[in-house]
Amino acid sequence: MKQKTVAVVGAAETTEMGKIPNTSQLMLHADAALNAMRDAGLAAKDIDGIATAGDSPVEVAHYLGITPTWVDGTSVGGCSFMLHVRHAAAAINEGLCNTVLITHAESGRSRVGARRFSRDPASQQGQFEVPYGITNPPTMFTIPALRYMKQYGVTEEDIANVAVVQREWAAMNPRASFRDPITVDDVLNSRRTSRRSPSTFSARARAARRR
């Protein structure tokens, strides 16, 4: 392969969407992967690189019957899979592999085969965030967002409009989870929610305080 001639040759989602209680998280990886491989006209024997986050790329490769020469388990949150594309392109250009499969799966609603949400009590999050119930994006992005708002005069209404526009685009996709239009007022008046259940550590912390 010539340098700088890497291309995305296939892409797909899982066959079903939404809450799928009869399918484990690893099975979701496999379902989407097989659909993407079919879209690209490839079989497991054609794949020699694999990348994913959250779950082990080795575990996913083994489940699919793939023997990779290159794996990437970089995990930096929701943008991990964009980094995987960049890493895969670099690996292909360096001759470390020829065809990379990038998978993402999260049994976010059914929680079948998904890892528990928890943090090491000795970590910074475990000490200073988990006991108070809020972690990850709300604590990582709030202060930078407030600084940006102050510096550039961005209002809460401006930020709420992002969600409004995203919903407009989602309505064009028949597989979108939410398609009903929303307004800026809907966003500003919506209740705060968290899909993460309290961790074992935070439960222990509360129990200790009661004693």
N, C-alpha and C. Protein backbone atom coordinates (compact mmCIF):
# COMPACT_ATOMS: atom_id res chain seq x y z
N MET A 1 0.84 -1.20 0.00
CA MET A 1 0.00 0.00 0.00
C MET A 1 0.87 1.26 0.00
N LYS A 2 0.52 2.21 -0.85
CA LYS A 2 1.25 3.47 -0.88
C LYS A 2 0.97 4.26 0.38
N GLN A 3 1.95 5.07 0.78
CA GLN A 3 1.77 5.93 1.93
C GLN A 3 0.59 6.88 1.71
N LYS A 4 -0.14 7.14 2.80
CA LYS A 4 -1.23 8.11 2.79
C LYS A 4 -2.37 7.71 1.85
N THR A 5 -2.64 6.42 1.77
CA THR A 5 -3.75 5.96 0.95
C THR A 5 -4.71 5.10 1.78
N VAL A 6 -4.90 5.47 3.03
CA VAL A 6 -5.80 4.75 3.93
C VAL A 6 -7.23 5.22 3.70
N ALA A 7 -8.18 4.29 3.73
CA ALA A 7 -9.58 4.64 3.50
C ALA A 7 -10.49 3.86 4.44
N VAL A 8 -11.62 4.44 4.79
CA VAL A 8 -12.68 3.74 5.51
C VAL A 8 -13.51 3.01 4.46
N VAL A 9 -13.57 1.69 4.56
CA VAL A 9 -14.22 0.90 3.50
C VAL A 9 -15.55 0.30 3.95
N GLY A 10 -15.92 0.44 5.21
CA GLY A 10 -17.19 -0.11 5.67
C GLY A 10 -17.58 0.47 7.01
N ALA A 11 -18.89 0.55 7.26
CA ALA A 11 -19.38 1.07 8.54
C ALA A 11 -20.79 0.52 8.77
N ALA A 12 -21.14 0.31 10.01
CA ALA A 12 -22.48 -0.22 10.32
C ALA A 12 -22.79 -0.05 11.79
N GLU A 13 -24.06 -0.29 12.13
CA GLU A 13 -24.52 -0.29 13.52
C GLU A 13 -25.01 -1.69 13.86
N THR A 14 -25.45 -1.87 15.10
CA THR A 14 -26.05 -3.14 15.47
C THR A 14 -27.37 -3.33 14.72
N THR A 15 -27.79 -4.57 14.58
CA THR A 15 -29.02 -4.87 13.85
C THR A 15 -30.23 -4.27 14.55
N GLU A 16 -30.28 -4.39 15.89
CA GLU A 16 -31.35 -3.77 16.67
C GLU A 16 -30.81 -2.55 17.40
N MET A 17 -31.73 -1.65 17.73
CA MET A 17 -31.36 -0.45 18.47
C MET A 17 -32.20 -0.34 19.72
N GLY A 18 -31.76 0.51 20.66
CA GLY A 18 -32.53 0.75 21.87
C GLY A 18 -32.20 -0.23 22.97
N LYS A 19 -33.21 -0.63 23.73
CA LYS A 19 -33.01 -1.55 24.85
C LYS A 19 -33.09 -2.98 24.31
N ILE A 20 -31.98 -3.73 24.44
CA ILE A 20 -31.89 -5.07 23.89
C ILE A 20 -31.49 -6.02 25.03
N PRO A 21 -32.44 -6.48 25.83
CA PRO A 21 -32.11 -7.26 27.03
C PRO A 21 -31.60 -8.67 26.76
N ASN A 22 -31.72 -9.14 25.51
CA ASN A 22 -31.27 -10.51 25.21
C ASN A 22 -29.90 -10.54 24.55
N THR A 23 -29.19 -9.41 24.58
CA THR A 23 -27.89 -9.32 23.91
C THR A 23 -26.86 -8.71 24.85
N SER A 24 -25.75 -9.41 25.03
CA SER A 24 -24.70 -8.90 25.92
C SER A 24 -23.91 -7.80 25.22
N GLN A 25 -23.09 -7.11 26.01
CA GLN A 25 -22.27 -6.04 25.43
C GLN A 25 -21.28 -6.60 24.42
N LEU A 26 -20.69 -7.75 24.70
CA LEU A 26 -19.76 -8.36 23.76
C LEU A 26 -20.48 -8.77 22.48
N MET A 27 -21.71 -9.24 22.61
CA MET A 27 -22.50 -9.60 21.43
C MET A 27 -22.83 -8.37 20.59
N LEU A 28 -23.01 -7.23 21.24
CA LEU A 28 -23.25 -5.99 20.50
C LEU A 28 -22.02 -5.62 19.66
N HIS A 29 -20.83 -5.77 20.27
CA HIS A 29 -19.59 -5.58 19.51
C HIS A 29 -19.62 -6.44 18.25
N ALA A 30 -19.89 -7.72 18.44
CA ALA A 30 -19.83 -8.67 17.33
C ALA A 30 -20.88 -8.37 16.27
N ASP A 31 -22.09 -8.05 16.69
CA ASP A 31 -23.17 -7.77 15.74
C ASP A 31 -22.81 -6.59 14.85
N ALA A 32 -22.39 -5.48 15.46
CA ALA A 32 -22.03 -4.30 14.68
C ALA A 32 -20.81 -4.57 13.81
N ALA A 33 -19.84 -5.33 14.36
CA ALA A 33 -18.63 -5.64 13.60
C ALA A 33 -18.94 -6.48 12.37
N LEU A 34 -19.76 -7.50 12.55
CA LEU A 34 -20.12 -8.35 11.41
C LEU A 34 -20.89 -7.57 10.35
N ASN A 35 -21.75 -6.66 10.78
CA ASN A 35 -22.47 -5.82 9.82
C ASN A 35 -21.52 -4.91 9.06
N ALA A 36 -20.53 -4.35 9.76
CA ALA A 36 -19.54 -3.49 9.10
C ALA A 36 -18.66 -4.29 8.13
N MET A 37 -18.28 -5.49 8.55
CA MET A 37 -17.46 -6.35 7.68
C MET A 37 -18.25 -6.74 6.43
N ARG A 38 -19.54 -7.00 6.61
CA ARG A 38 -20.39 -7.32 5.46
C ARG A 38 -20.50 -6.11 4.52
N ASP A 39 -20.61 -4.93 5.11
CA ASP A 39 -20.70 -3.71 4.30
C ASP A 39 -19.43 -3.50 3.48
N ALA A 40 -18.29 -3.91 4.05
CA ALA A 40 -17.00 -3.74 3.38
C ALA A 40 -16.65 -4.93 2.48
N GLY A 41 -17.46 -5.99 2.54
CA GLY A 41 -17.15 -7.18 1.76
C GLY A 41 -15.95 -7.94 2.31
N LEU A 42 -15.78 -7.93 3.64
CA LEU A 42 -14.63 -8.57 4.27
C LEU A 42 -15.08 -9.70 5.20
N ALA A 43 -14.17 -10.61 5.48
CA ALA A 43 -14.40 -11.68 6.44
C ALA A 43 -13.38 -11.56 7.56
N ALA A 44 -13.56 -12.35 8.62
CA ALA A 44 -12.66 -12.29 9.78
C ALA A 44 -11.20 -12.51 9.37
N LYS A 45 -10.98 -13.39 8.40
CA LYS A 45 -9.61 -13.70 7.97
C LYS A 45 -8.93 -12.51 7.30
N ASP A 46 -9.72 -11.52 6.87
CA ASP A 46 -9.15 -10.34 6.22
C ASP A 46 -8.72 -9.27 7.21
N ILE A 47 -9.11 -9.40 8.47
CA ILE A 47 -8.83 -8.40 9.49
C ILE A 47 -7.56 -8.76 10.23
N ASP A 48 -6.61 -7.85 10.31
CA ASP A 48 -5.38 -8.11 11.07
C ASP A 48 -5.08 -7.01 12.09
N GLY A 49 -6.05 -6.12 12.31
CA GLY A 49 -5.91 -5.10 13.35
C GLY A 49 -7.26 -4.85 13.98
N ILE A 50 -7.28 -4.57 15.27
CA ILE A 50 -8.56 -4.32 15.95
C ILE A 50 -8.36 -3.28 17.04
N ALA A 51 -9.35 -2.44 17.22
CA ALA A 51 -9.28 -1.38 18.24
C ALA A 51 -10.64 -1.21 18.89
N THR A 52 -10.64 -1.02 20.19
CA THR A 52 -11.87 -0.71 20.91
C THR A 52 -11.50 -0.13 22.27
N ALA A 53 -12.50 0.40 22.98
CA ALA A 53 -12.29 0.95 24.32
C ALA A 53 -13.38 0.42 25.23
N GLY A 54 -13.10 0.43 26.52
CA GLY A 54 -14.06 -0.11 27.48
C GLY A 54 -13.84 -1.60 27.65
N ASP A 55 -14.14 -2.36 26.62
CA ASP A 55 -13.85 -3.79 26.61
C ASP A 55 -12.46 -4.01 26.01
N SER A 56 -11.91 -5.19 26.24
CA SER A 56 -10.58 -5.50 25.73
C SER A 56 -10.62 -5.81 24.24
N PRO A 57 -9.75 -5.19 23.44
CA PRO A 57 -9.70 -5.52 22.01
C PRO A 57 -9.32 -6.98 21.78
N VAL A 58 -8.53 -7.54 22.70
CA VAL A 58 -8.15 -8.95 22.59
C VAL A 58 -9.37 -9.85 22.76
N GLU A 59 -10.24 -9.49 23.72
CA GLU A 59 -11.45 -10.26 23.96
C GLU A 59 -12.39 -10.18 22.75
N VAL A 60 -12.53 -9.00 22.19
CA VAL A 60 -13.40 -8.84 21.03
C VAL A 60 -12.85 -9.62 19.84
N ALA A 61 -11.52 -9.54 19.64
CA ALA A 61 -10.90 -10.27 18.53
C ALA A 61 -11.11 -11.78 18.69
N HIS A 62 -10.92 -12.28 19.90
CA HIS A 62 -11.10 -13.71 20.15
C HIS A 62 -12.54 -14.13 19.87
N TYR A 63 -13.49 -13.31 20.30
CA TYR A 63 -14.91 -13.63 20.11
C TYR A 63 -15.28 -13.70 18.63
N LEU A 64 -14.62 -12.85 17.82
CA LEU A 64 -14.92 -12.79 16.39
C LEU A 64 -14.06 -13.75 15.57
N GLY A 65 -13.11 -14.42 16.21
CA GLY A 65 -12.24 -15.32 15.48
C GLY A 65 -11.18 -14.61 14.67
N ILE A 66 -10.76 -13.44 15.15
CA ILE A 66 -9.74 -12.64 14.45
C ILE A 66 -8.40 -12.80 15.17
N THR A 67 -7.34 -12.98 14.39
CA THR A 67 -5.99 -13.05 14.95
C THR A 67 -5.23 -11.79 14.51
N PRO A 68 -5.21 -10.76 15.34
CA PRO A 68 -4.62 -9.49 14.93
C PRO A 68 -3.10 -9.45 15.10
N THR A 69 -2.46 -8.65 14.27
CA THR A 69 -1.05 -8.34 14.46
C THR A 69 -0.89 -6.98 15.13
N TRP A 70 -1.99 -6.25 15.26
CA TRP A 70 -1.98 -4.91 15.87
C TRP A 70 -3.28 -4.71 16.63
N VAL A 71 -3.18 -4.24 17.87
CA VAL A 71 -4.37 -3.94 18.67
C VAL A 71 -4.21 -2.57 19.31
N ASP A 72 -5.35 -1.92 19.59
CA ASP A 72 -5.34 -0.61 20.24
C ASP A 72 -6.47 -0.59 21.25
N GLY A 73 -6.13 -0.38 22.52
CA GLY A 73 -7.13 -0.30 23.57
C GLY A 73 -7.18 1.08 24.21
N THR A 74 -6.74 2.11 23.48
CA THR A 74 -6.74 3.47 24.01
C THR A 74 -8.13 3.85 24.50
N SER A 75 -8.21 4.34 25.74
CA SER A 75 -9.50 4.72 26.31
C SER A 75 -9.40 6.09 26.96
N VAL A 76 -9.99 7.08 26.31
CA VAL A 76 -9.99 8.45 26.83
C VAL A 76 -11.40 9.03 26.85
N GLY A 77 -12.38 8.15 26.98
CA GLY A 77 -13.76 8.62 27.00
C GLY A 77 -14.43 8.48 25.64
N GLY A 78 -15.44 9.31 25.43
CA GLY A 78 -16.28 9.19 24.24
C GLY A 78 -15.59 9.40 22.91
N CYS A 79 -14.44 10.08 22.90
CA CYS A 79 -13.74 10.32 21.64
C CYS A 79 -12.67 9.26 21.37
N SER A 80 -12.64 8.19 22.19
CA SER A 80 -11.64 7.14 22.00
C SER A 80 -11.65 6.60 20.59
N PHE A 81 -12.84 6.44 20.04
CA PHE A 81 -12.98 5.75 18.76
C PHE A 81 -12.55 6.63 17.59
N MET A 82 -12.59 7.94 17.77
CA MET A 82 -12.01 8.82 16.76
C MET A 82 -10.48 8.69 16.78
N LEU A 83 -9.92 8.59 17.98
CA LEU A 83 -8.47 8.38 18.08
C LEU A 83 -8.09 7.04 17.46
N HIS A 84 -8.93 6.04 17.61
CA HIS A 84 -8.65 4.73 17.02
C HIS A 84 -8.51 4.83 15.50
N VAL A 85 -9.35 5.65 14.88
CA VAL A 85 -9.25 5.83 13.43
C VAL A 85 -7.90 6.41 13.07
N ARG A 86 -7.47 7.41 13.82
CA ARG A 86 -6.17 8.03 13.56
C ARG A 86 -5.03 7.05 13.81
N HIS A 87 -5.12 6.31 14.91
CA HIS A 87 -4.08 5.32 15.21
C HIS A 87 -4.04 4.23 14.15
N ALA A 88 -5.22 3.81 13.69
CA ALA A 88 -5.28 2.76 12.67
C ALA A 88 -4.63 3.22 11.37
N ALA A 89 -4.92 4.46 10.99
CA ALA A 89 -4.32 5.00 9.77
C ALA A 89 -2.80 5.02 9.88
N ALA A 90 -2.30 5.43 11.06
CA ALA A 90 -0.85 5.47 11.26
C ALA A 90 -0.26 4.06 11.22
N ALA A 91 -0.96 3.10 11.84
CA ALA A 91 -0.46 1.73 11.86
C ALA A 91 -0.42 1.13 10.46
N ILE A 92 -1.44 1.41 9.67
CA ILE A 92 -1.47 0.90 8.29
C ILE A 92 -0.35 1.53 7.47
N ASN A 93 -0.17 2.82 7.64
CA ASN A 93 0.90 3.51 6.89
C ASN A 93 2.29 2.99 7.27
N GLU A 94 2.43 2.53 8.51
CA GLU A 94 3.72 2.00 8.95
C GLU A 94 3.88 0.52 8.66
N GLY A 95 2.88 -0.08 8.04
CA GLY A 95 2.98 -1.48 7.68
C GLY A 95 2.77 -2.45 8.83
N LEU A 96 2.19 -1.98 9.94
CA LEU A 96 1.95 -2.85 11.08
C LEU A 96 0.74 -3.75 10.86
N CYS A 97 -0.15 -3.35 9.98
CA CYS A 97 -1.33 -4.13 9.65
C CYS A 97 -1.91 -3.57 8.35
N ASN A 98 -2.90 -4.26 7.82
CA ASN A 98 -3.51 -3.84 6.56
C ASN A 98 -4.96 -3.41 6.70
N THR A 99 -5.72 -4.10 7.55
CA THR A 99 -7.15 -3.82 7.69
C THR A 99 -7.51 -3.82 9.17
N VAL A 100 -8.01 -2.71 9.65
CA VAL A 100 -8.32 -2.56 11.08
C VAL A 100 -9.84 -2.49 11.28
N LEU A 101 -10.31 -3.25 12.25
CA LEU A 101 -11.71 -3.21 12.66
C LEU A 101 -11.81 -2.41 13.96
N ILE A 102 -12.63 -1.36 13.96
CA ILE A 102 -12.84 -0.53 15.14
C ILE A 102 -14.27 -0.76 15.63
N THR A 103 -14.41 -1.19 16.86
CA THR A 103 -15.75 -1.48 17.37
C THR A 103 -16.06 -0.67 18.63
N HIS A 104 -17.34 -0.42 18.81
CA HIS A 104 -17.82 0.22 20.04
C HIS A 104 -19.14 -0.43 20.42
N ALA A 105 -19.28 -0.79 21.68
CA ALA A 105 -20.54 -1.34 22.17
C ALA A 105 -20.72 -0.94 23.62
N GLU A 106 -21.95 -0.63 23.98
CA GLU A 106 -22.25 -0.28 25.36
C GLU A 106 -23.69 -0.65 25.65
N SER A 107 -23.88 -1.62 26.50
CA SER A 107 -25.23 -2.00 26.91
C SER A 107 -25.69 -1.01 27.98
N GLY A 108 -25.91 0.21 27.53
CA GLY A 108 -26.17 1.31 28.46
C GLY A 108 -27.51 1.23 29.15
N ARG A 109 -28.48 0.60 28.50
CA ARG A 109 -29.82 0.52 29.09
C ARG A 109 -30.06 -0.82 29.78
N SER A 110 -29.78 -1.91 29.08
CA SER A 110 -30.04 -3.23 29.65
C SER A 110 -28.95 -3.66 30.62
N ARG A 111 -27.72 -3.16 30.44
CA ARG A 111 -26.57 -3.49 31.29
C ARG A 111 -26.27 -4.99 31.26
N VAL A 112 -26.45 -5.63 30.10
CA VAL A 112 -26.16 -7.06 29.97
C VAL A 112 -24.69 -7.24 29.64
N GLY A 113 -23.94 -7.87 30.52
CA GLY A 113 -22.52 -8.08 30.28
C GLY A 113 -21.68 -6.83 30.37
N ALA A 114 -22.25 -5.76 30.88
CA ALA A 114 -21.51 -4.49 30.99
C ALA A 114 -20.82 -4.41 32.34
N ARG A 115 -19.71 -3.70 32.37
CA ARG A 115 -18.97 -3.55 33.62
C ARG A 115 -19.70 -2.58 34.54
N ARG A 116 -19.52 -2.80 35.85
CA ARG A 116 -20.13 -1.90 36.81
C ARG A 116 -19.44 -0.54 36.79
N PHE A 117 -20.21 0.50 37.02
CA PHE A 117 -19.64 1.83 37.12
C PHE A 117 -19.01 1.98 38.51
N SER A 118 -17.71 2.09 38.57
CA SER A 118 -17.05 2.23 39.86
C SER A 118 -15.73 2.96 39.68
N ARG A 119 -15.22 3.48 40.76
CA ARG A 119 -13.93 4.16 40.76
C ARG A 119 -13.12 3.67 41.94
N ASP A 120 -11.82 3.59 41.76
CA ASP A 120 -10.91 3.22 42.84
C ASP A 120 -11.03 4.27 43.94
N PRO A 121 -11.36 3.86 45.19
CA PRO A 121 -11.50 4.84 46.27
C PRO A 121 -10.24 5.68 46.49
N ALA A 122 -9.07 5.17 46.07
CA ALA A 122 -7.82 5.91 46.27
C ALA A 122 -7.56 6.92 45.15
N SER A 123 -8.33 6.84 44.06
CA SER A 123 -8.12 7.76 42.94
C SER A 123 -8.65 9.14 43.29
N GLN A 124 -8.29 10.13 42.48
CA GLN A 124 -8.79 11.49 42.72
C GLN A 124 -10.31 11.54 42.62
N GLN A 125 -10.86 10.87 41.59
CA GLN A 125 -12.31 10.84 41.48
C GLN A 125 -12.95 10.12 42.66
N GLY A 126 -12.31 9.01 43.08
CA GLY A 126 -12.84 8.26 44.20
C GLY A 126 -12.87 9.06 45.49
N GLN A 127 -11.90 9.95 45.66
CA GLN A 127 -11.83 10.74 46.89
C GLN A 127 -12.67 12.01 46.86
N PHE A 128 -12.66 12.69 45.71
CA PHE A 128 -13.21 14.04 45.69
C PHE A 128 -14.48 14.22 44.85
N GLU A 129 -14.88 13.20 44.08
CA GLU A 129 -16.06 13.34 43.25
C GLU A 129 -17.13 12.31 43.56
N VAL A 130 -16.75 11.03 43.56
CA VAL A 130 -17.72 9.96 43.75
C VAL A 130 -18.55 10.12 45.03
N PRO A 131 -17.96 10.50 46.17
CA PRO A 131 -18.78 10.64 47.39
C PRO A 131 -19.91 11.66 47.25
N TYR A 132 -19.78 12.57 46.28
CA TYR A 132 -20.80 13.60 46.11
C TYR A 132 -21.76 13.30 44.95
N GLY A 133 -21.53 12.16 44.26
CA GLY A 133 -22.50 11.68 43.29
C GLY A 133 -22.32 12.15 41.86
N ILE A 134 -21.42 13.07 41.58
CA ILE A 134 -21.24 13.57 40.22
C ILE A 134 -19.81 13.31 39.76
N THR A 135 -19.66 12.68 38.59
CA THR A 135 -18.32 12.40 38.06
C THR A 135 -18.33 12.59 36.55
N ASN A 136 -17.14 12.47 35.98
CA ASN A 136 -16.95 12.46 34.52
C ASN A 136 -17.36 13.78 33.86
N PRO A 137 -18.09 13.82 32.73
CA PRO A 137 -18.28 15.08 32.01
C PRO A 137 -18.76 16.26 32.85
N PRO A 138 -19.74 16.08 33.77
CA PRO A 138 -20.18 17.25 34.54
C PRO A 138 -19.06 17.92 35.34
N THR A 139 -18.10 17.12 35.83
CA THR A 139 -17.01 17.72 36.60
C THR A 139 -15.82 18.07 35.72
N MET A 140 -15.67 17.39 34.59
CA MET A 140 -14.52 17.65 33.72
C MET A 140 -14.71 18.88 32.84
N PHE A 141 -15.95 19.15 32.43
CA PHE A 141 -16.19 20.18 31.42
C PHE A 141 -16.83 21.45 31.96
N THR A 142 -17.37 21.41 33.19
CA THR A 142 -18.13 22.55 33.68
C THR A 142 -17.30 23.82 33.79
N ILE A 143 -16.15 23.75 34.45
CA ILE A 143 -15.33 24.96 34.65
C ILE A 143 -14.81 25.51 33.31
N PRO A 144 -14.26 24.67 32.39
CA PRO A 144 -13.86 25.22 31.09
C PRO A 144 -15.03 25.83 30.33
N ALA A 145 -16.22 25.23 30.44
CA ALA A 145 -17.38 25.77 29.74
C ALA A 145 -17.77 27.13 30.30
N LEU A 146 -17.74 27.26 31.63
CA LEU A 146 -18.07 28.55 32.24
C LEU A 146 -17.06 29.62 31.85
N ARG A 147 -15.78 29.22 31.77
CA ARG A 147 -14.75 30.18 31.36
C ARG A 147 -14.98 30.63 29.92
N TYR A 148 -15.34 29.69 29.06
CA TYR A 148 -15.61 30.02 27.65
C TYR A 148 -16.82 30.96 27.55
N MET A 149 -17.86 30.67 28.32
CA MET A 149 -19.06 31.51 28.30
C MET A 149 -18.74 32.94 28.71
N LYS A 150 -17.93 33.07 29.76
CA LYS A 150 -17.59 34.41 30.24
C LYS A 150 -16.72 35.15 29.22
N GLN A 151 -15.75 34.46 28.64
CA GLN A 151 -14.82 35.12 27.73
C GLN A 151 -15.46 35.54 26.42
N TYR A 152 -16.39 34.72 25.91
CA TYR A 152 -16.95 34.99 24.59
C TYR A 152 -18.42 35.39 24.61
N GLY A 153 -18.98 35.59 25.80
CA GLY A 153 -20.35 36.06 25.90
C GLY A 153 -21.39 35.03 25.49
N VAL A 154 -21.07 33.77 25.65
CA VAL A 154 -22.02 32.70 25.31
C VAL A 154 -23.03 32.55 26.44
N THR A 155 -24.30 32.43 26.09
CA THR A 155 -25.35 32.33 27.10
C THR A 155 -25.82 30.87 27.24
N GLU A 156 -26.58 30.61 28.29
CA GLU A 156 -27.16 29.29 28.48
C GLU A 156 -28.10 28.95 27.32
N GLU A 157 -28.79 29.99 26.82
CA GLU A 157 -29.69 29.77 25.68
C GLU A 157 -28.91 29.32 24.44
N ASP A 158 -27.71 29.90 24.25
CA ASP A 158 -26.87 29.50 23.12
C ASP A 158 -26.49 28.02 23.22
N ILE A 159 -26.11 27.60 24.40
CA ILE A 159 -25.70 26.21 24.59
C ILE A 159 -26.90 25.28 24.45
N ALA A 160 -28.05 25.69 24.99
CA ALA A 160 -29.26 24.86 24.87
C ALA A 160 -29.64 24.68 23.41
N ASN A 161 -29.35 25.68 22.58
CA ASN A 161 -29.70 25.59 21.16
C ASN A 161 -28.92 24.48 20.45
N VAL A 162 -27.75 24.12 20.99
CA VAL A 162 -26.99 23.01 20.42
C VAL A 162 -27.82 21.73 20.47
N ALA A 163 -28.45 21.48 21.61
CA ALA A 163 -29.30 20.29 21.75
C ALA A 163 -30.50 20.36 20.81
N VAL A 164 -31.05 21.56 20.63
CA VAL A 164 -32.19 21.73 19.72
C VAL A 164 -31.81 21.37 18.29
N VAL A 165 -30.67 21.86 17.85
CA VAL A 165 -30.21 21.58 16.49
C VAL A 165 -29.85 20.10 16.34
N GLN A 166 -29.21 19.53 17.36
CA GLN A 166 -28.88 18.10 17.29
C GLN A 166 -30.13 17.25 17.15
N ARG A 167 -31.21 17.62 17.84
CA ARG A 167 -32.46 16.88 17.73
C ARG A 167 -33.04 17.02 16.31
N GLU A 168 -32.91 18.20 15.71
CA GLU A 168 -33.39 18.39 14.34
C GLU A 168 -32.68 17.43 13.38
N TRP A 169 -31.37 17.30 13.53
CA TRP A 169 -30.62 16.39 12.68
C TRP A 169 -30.99 14.94 12.99
N ALA A 170 -31.17 14.63 14.27
CA ALA A 170 -31.52 13.26 14.66
C ALA A 170 -32.85 12.84 14.04
N ALA A 171 -33.77 13.79 13.92
CA ALA A 171 -35.09 13.48 13.36
C ALA A 171 -35.01 12.98 11.92
N MET A 172 -33.90 13.24 11.26
CA MET A 172 -33.72 12.78 9.88
C MET A 172 -33.26 11.34 9.80
N ASN A 173 -32.89 10.78 10.96
CA ASN A 173 -32.42 9.39 11.00
C ASN A 173 -33.53 8.51 11.57
N PRO A 174 -34.06 7.57 10.78
CA PRO A 174 -35.16 6.73 11.28
C PRO A 174 -34.77 5.84 12.45
N ARG A 175 -33.47 5.67 12.71
CA ARG A 175 -33.03 4.82 13.82
C ARG A 175 -32.68 5.63 15.07
N ALA A 176 -32.89 6.91 15.04
CA ALA A 176 -32.56 7.75 16.20
C ALA A 176 -33.45 7.40 17.39
N SER A 177 -32.89 7.47 18.60
CA SER A 177 -33.64 7.16 19.81
C SER A 177 -34.70 8.22 20.09
N PHE A 178 -34.39 9.48 19.81
CA PHE A 178 -35.32 10.57 20.06
C PHE A 178 -35.45 11.40 18.79
N ARG A 179 -36.68 11.61 18.34
CA ARG A 179 -36.89 12.33 17.08
C ARG A 179 -37.86 13.50 17.21
N ASP A 180 -38.58 13.59 18.33
CA ASP A 180 -39.53 14.69 18.51
C ASP A 180 -38.78 16.00 18.66
N PRO A 181 -39.24 17.07 18.00
CA PRO A 181 -38.54 18.36 18.11
C PRO A 181 -38.63 18.92 19.52
N ILE A 182 -37.59 19.66 19.91
CA ILE A 182 -37.57 20.31 21.22
C ILE A 182 -37.20 21.78 21.04
N THR A 183 -37.46 22.58 22.06
CA THR A 183 -37.15 24.01 22.03
C THR A 183 -36.07 24.33 23.05
N VAL A 184 -35.56 25.54 22.96
CA VAL A 184 -34.56 26.00 23.93
C VAL A 184 -35.15 25.95 25.35
N ASP A 185 -36.42 26.37 25.49
CA ASP A 185 -37.07 26.33 26.81
C ASP A 185 -37.17 24.89 27.33
N ASP A 186 -37.45 23.95 26.43
CA ASP A 186 -37.51 22.55 26.85
C ASP A 186 -36.19 22.12 27.47
N VAL A 187 -35.09 22.52 26.83
CA VAL A 187 -33.77 22.13 27.32
C VAL A 187 -33.48 22.79 28.66
N LEU A 188 -33.73 24.09 28.77
CA LEU A 188 -33.41 24.81 30.00
C LEU A 188 -34.27 24.36 31.18
N ASN A 189 -35.47 23.87 30.90
CA ASN A 189 -36.38 23.45 31.97
C ASN A 189 -36.35 21.94 32.22
N SER A 190 -35.48 21.22 31.50
CA SER A 190 -35.43 19.77 31.67
C SER A 190 -34.77 19.43 33.00
N ARG A 191 -35.14 18.27 33.54
CA ARG A 191 -34.57 17.88 34.83
C ARG A 191 -33.18 17.28 34.62
N ARG A 192 -32.37 17.40 35.61
CA ARG A 192 -31.04 16.83 35.56
C ARG A 192 -31.14 15.32 35.81
N THR A 193 -30.46 14.56 34.99
CA THR A 193 -30.50 13.12 35.14
C THR A 193 -29.09 12.56 35.05
N SER A 194 -28.92 11.35 35.51
CA SER A 194 -27.66 10.63 35.39
C SER A 194 -27.97 9.18 35.14
N ARG A 195 -27.35 8.59 34.11
CA ARG A 195 -27.58 7.18 33.82
C ARG A 195 -26.72 6.29 34.69
N ARG A 196 -25.84 6.89 35.47
CA ARG A 196 -24.93 6.08 36.28
C ARG A 196 -25.51 5.84 37.66
N SER A 197 -25.54 4.60 38.05
CA SER A 197 -26.01 4.27 39.38
C SER A 197 -24.91 4.53 40.39
N PRO A 198 -25.27 4.76 41.67
CA PRO A 198 -24.24 5.00 42.69
C PRO A 198 -23.25 3.85 42.74
N SER A 199 -22.00 4.16 42.90
CA SER A 199 -20.98 3.11 42.93
C SER A 199 -20.96 2.42 44.28
N THR A 200 -20.30 1.27 44.29
CA THR A 200 -20.14 0.53 45.54
C THR A 200 -19.41 1.38 46.57
N PHE A 201 -18.41 2.13 46.08
CA PHE A 201 -17.62 2.95 47.00
C PHE A 201 -18.48 4.02 47.65
N SER A 202 -19.32 4.71 46.87
CA SER A 202 -20.12 5.79 47.45
C SER A 202 -21.12 5.22 48.44
N ALA A 203 -21.63 4.01 48.17
CA ALA A 203 -22.54 3.37 49.13
C ALA A 203 -21.82 3.07 50.43
N ARG A 204 -20.58 2.59 50.33
CA ARG A 204 -19.78 2.32 51.52
C ARG A 204 -19.51 3.60 52.30
N ALA A 205 -19.25 4.68 51.54
CA ALA A 205 -18.94 5.96 52.19
C ALA A 205 -20.15 6.44 52.98
N ARG A 206 -21.35 6.32 52.40
CA ARG A 206 -22.55 6.75 53.11
C ARG A 206 -22.77 5.91 54.35
N ALA A 207 -22.55 4.59 54.21
CA ALA A 207 -22.72 3.70 55.35
C ALA A 207 -21.76 4.07 56.48
N ALA A 208 -20.52 4.42 56.10
CA ALA A 208 -19.52 4.80 57.11
C ALA A 208 -19.92 6.08 57.83
N ARG A 209 -20.49 7.02 57.10
CA ARG A 209 -20.90 8.27 57.74
C ARG A 209 -22.05 8.02 58.72
N ARG A 210 -22.95 7.09 58.37
CA ARG A 210 -24.08 6.80 59.26
C ARG A 210 -23.58 6.19 60.57
N ARG A 211 -22.50 5.38 60.48
CA ARG A 211 -21.97 4.79 61.70
C ARG A 211 -21.29 5.82 62.58
